[in-house]
Amino acid sequence: MQFHHIDSAYELARRAGLKPGVVGHLVARRRNSCSLATARAIEEALQCPPGFLFEPRMLQVADTPRRRQKVPA
């Protein structure tokens, strides 16, 4: 952020087109994950290549597909 003269999470959020709260939590390290779209927007605002700041990972994997539950009439 210093390299691009961005002094606050609010300014980064403005440049990335994101809500300040989300970016603020990430910058303050109160949160360590975000959506892929958020990660890409932040990386673009900081002119970083994709995957430079954020590591994509799957949080939950299902072994079997979910089945729809029948709702009683």
C-alpha atoms as a PDB file:
ATOM      1  CA  MET A   1       0.000   0.000   0.000  1.00  0.00           C
ATOM      2  CA  GLN A   2       2.880   2.346   0.794  1.00  0.00           C
ATOM      3  CA  PHE A   3       4.344   1.872  -2.682  1.00  0.00           C
ATOM      4  CA  HIS A   4       1.108   3.205  -4.227  1.00  0.00           C
ATOM      5  CA  HIS A   5       0.789   5.943  -1.585  1.00  0.00           C
ATOM      6  CA  ILE A   6      -2.373   4.424  -0.145  1.00  0.00           C
ATOM      7  CA  ASP A   7      -2.604   5.578   3.466  1.00  0.00           C
ATOM      8  CA  SER A   8      -5.718   3.748   4.642  1.00  0.00           C
ATOM      9  CA  ALA A   9      -7.934   0.747   4.120  1.00  0.00           C
ATOM     10  CA  TYR A  10     -10.673   3.200   3.133  1.00  0.00           C
ATOM     11  CA  GLU A  11      -8.553   4.509   0.249  1.00  0.00           C
ATOM     12  CA  LEU A  12      -7.709   0.965  -0.876  1.00  0.00           C
ATOM     13  CA  ALA A  13     -11.410   0.062  -0.780  1.00  0.00           C
ATOM     14  CA  ARG A  14     -12.243   3.136  -2.867  1.00  0.00           C
ATOM     15  CA  ARG A  15      -9.640   2.243  -5.489  1.00  0.00           C
ATOM     16  CA  ALA A  16     -10.761  -1.388  -5.554  1.00  0.00           C
ATOM     17  CA  GLY A  17     -14.475  -0.528  -5.696  1.00  0.00           C
ATOM     18  CA  LEU A  18     -15.179  -2.446  -2.490  1.00  0.00           C
ATOM     19  CA  LYS A  19     -16.908  -1.727   0.804  1.00  0.00           C
ATOM     20  CA  PRO A  20     -14.503  -0.171   3.337  1.00  0.00           C
ATOM     21  CA  GLY A  21     -15.475  -2.587   6.119  1.00  0.00           C
ATOM     22  CA  VAL A  22     -14.368  -5.673   4.206  1.00  0.00           C
ATOM     23  CA  VAL A  23     -11.013  -4.173   3.258  1.00  0.00           C
ATOM     24  CA  GLY A  24     -10.548  -2.715   6.739  1.00  0.00           C
ATOM     25  CA  HIS A  25     -10.907  -6.143   8.359  1.00  0.00           C
ATOM     26  CA  LEU A  26      -8.390  -7.651   5.949  1.00  0.00           C
ATOM     27  CA  VAL A  27      -5.844  -4.857   6.403  1.00  0.00           C
ATOM     28  CA  ALA A  28      -6.200  -4.954  10.206  1.00  0.00           C
ATOM     29  CA  ARG A  29      -5.864  -8.769  10.102  1.00  0.00           C
ATOM     30  CA  ARG A  30      -9.176  -9.275  11.906  1.00  0.00           C
ATOM     31  CA  ARG A  31     -10.131 -11.420   8.945  1.00  0.00           C
ATOM     32  CA  ASN A  32      -7.926 -13.731   6.891  1.00  0.00           C
ATOM     33  CA  SER A  33     -10.179 -14.747   4.026  1.00  0.00           C
ATOM     34  CA  CYS A  34     -12.358 -13.150   1.378  1.00  0.00           C
ATOM     35  CA  SER A  35     -14.115 -13.970  -1.856  1.00  0.00           C
ATOM     36  CA  LEU A  36     -12.175 -14.474  -5.054  1.00  0.00           C
ATOM     37  CA  ALA A  37     -13.748 -11.307  -6.494  1.00  0.00           C
ATOM     38  CA  THR A  38     -12.602  -9.267  -3.484  1.00  0.00           C
ATOM     39  CA  ALA A  39      -9.083 -10.683  -3.704  1.00  0.00           C
ATOM     40  CA  ARG A  40      -8.855  -9.904  -7.413  1.00  0.00           C
ATOM     41  CA  ALA A  41     -10.155  -6.349  -6.914  1.00  0.00           C
ATOM     42  CA  ILE A  42      -7.551  -5.650  -4.217  1.00  0.00           C
ATOM     43  CA  GLU A  43      -4.740  -7.153  -6.293  1.00  0.00           C
ATOM     44  CA  GLU A  44      -5.785  -5.063  -9.303  1.00  0.00           C
ATOM     45  CA  ALA A  45      -5.966  -1.884  -7.203  1.00  0.00           C
ATOM     46  CA  LEU A  46      -2.421  -2.575  -6.008  1.00  0.00           C
ATOM     47  CA  GLN A  47      -1.297  -3.611  -9.495  1.00  0.00           C
ATOM     48  CA  CYS A  48      -0.252  -7.093  -8.344  1.00  0.00           C
ATOM     49  CA  PRO A  49      -0.488 -10.226 -10.472  1.00  0.00           C
ATOM     50  CA  PRO A  50      -3.373 -12.583  -9.625  1.00  0.00           C
ATOM     51  CA  GLY A  51      -2.511 -14.805  -6.681  1.00  0.00           C
ATOM     52  CA  PHE A  52       0.311 -12.546  -5.431  1.00  0.00           C
ATOM     53  CA  LEU A  53      -1.433 -11.437  -2.226  1.00  0.00           C
ATOM     54  CA  PHE A  54      -4.106 -14.096  -1.788  1.00  0.00           C
ATOM     55  CA  GLU A  55      -3.848 -17.864  -1.984  1.00  0.00           C
ATOM     56  CA  PRO A  56      -6.977 -19.522  -3.365  1.00  0.00           C
ATOM     57  CA  ARG A  57      -8.161 -22.490  -1.344  1.00  0.00           C
ATOM     58  CA  MET A  58     -11.311 -24.479  -0.905  1.00  0.00           C
ATOM     59  CA  LEU A  59     -12.710 -24.384   2.600  1.00  0.00           C
ATOM     60  CA  GLN A  60     -15.207 -27.225   2.419  1.00  0.00           C
ATOM     61  CA  VAL A  61     -15.446 -30.227   0.162  1.00  0.00           C
ATOM     62  CA  ALA A  62     -18.475 -32.487  -0.025  1.00  0.00           C
ATOM     63  CA  ASP A  63     -17.914 -36.177  -0.781  1.00  0.00           C
ATOM     64  CA  THR A  64     -21.384 -36.690  -2.164  1.00  0.00           C
ATOM     65  CA  PRO A  65     -23.791 -34.301  -3.827  1.00  0.00           C
ATOM     66  CA  ARG A  66     -26.574 -32.965  -1.649  1.00  0.00           C
ATOM     67  CA  ARG A  67     -29.977 -34.454  -2.172  1.00  0.00           C
ATOM     68  CA  ARG A  68     -33.089 -32.356  -2.050  1.00  0.00           C
ATOM     69  CA  GLN A  69     -35.223 -33.085   0.947  1.00  0.00           C
ATOM     70  CA  LYS A  70     -38.846 -33.732   0.273  1.00  0.00           C
ATOM     71  CA  VAL A  71     -41.120 -31.295   2.022  1.00  0.00           C
ATOM     72  CA  PRO A  72     -44.304 -32.892   3.410  1.00  0.00           C
ATOM     73  CA  ALA A  73     -47.464 -31.504   1.880  1.00  0.00           C
END
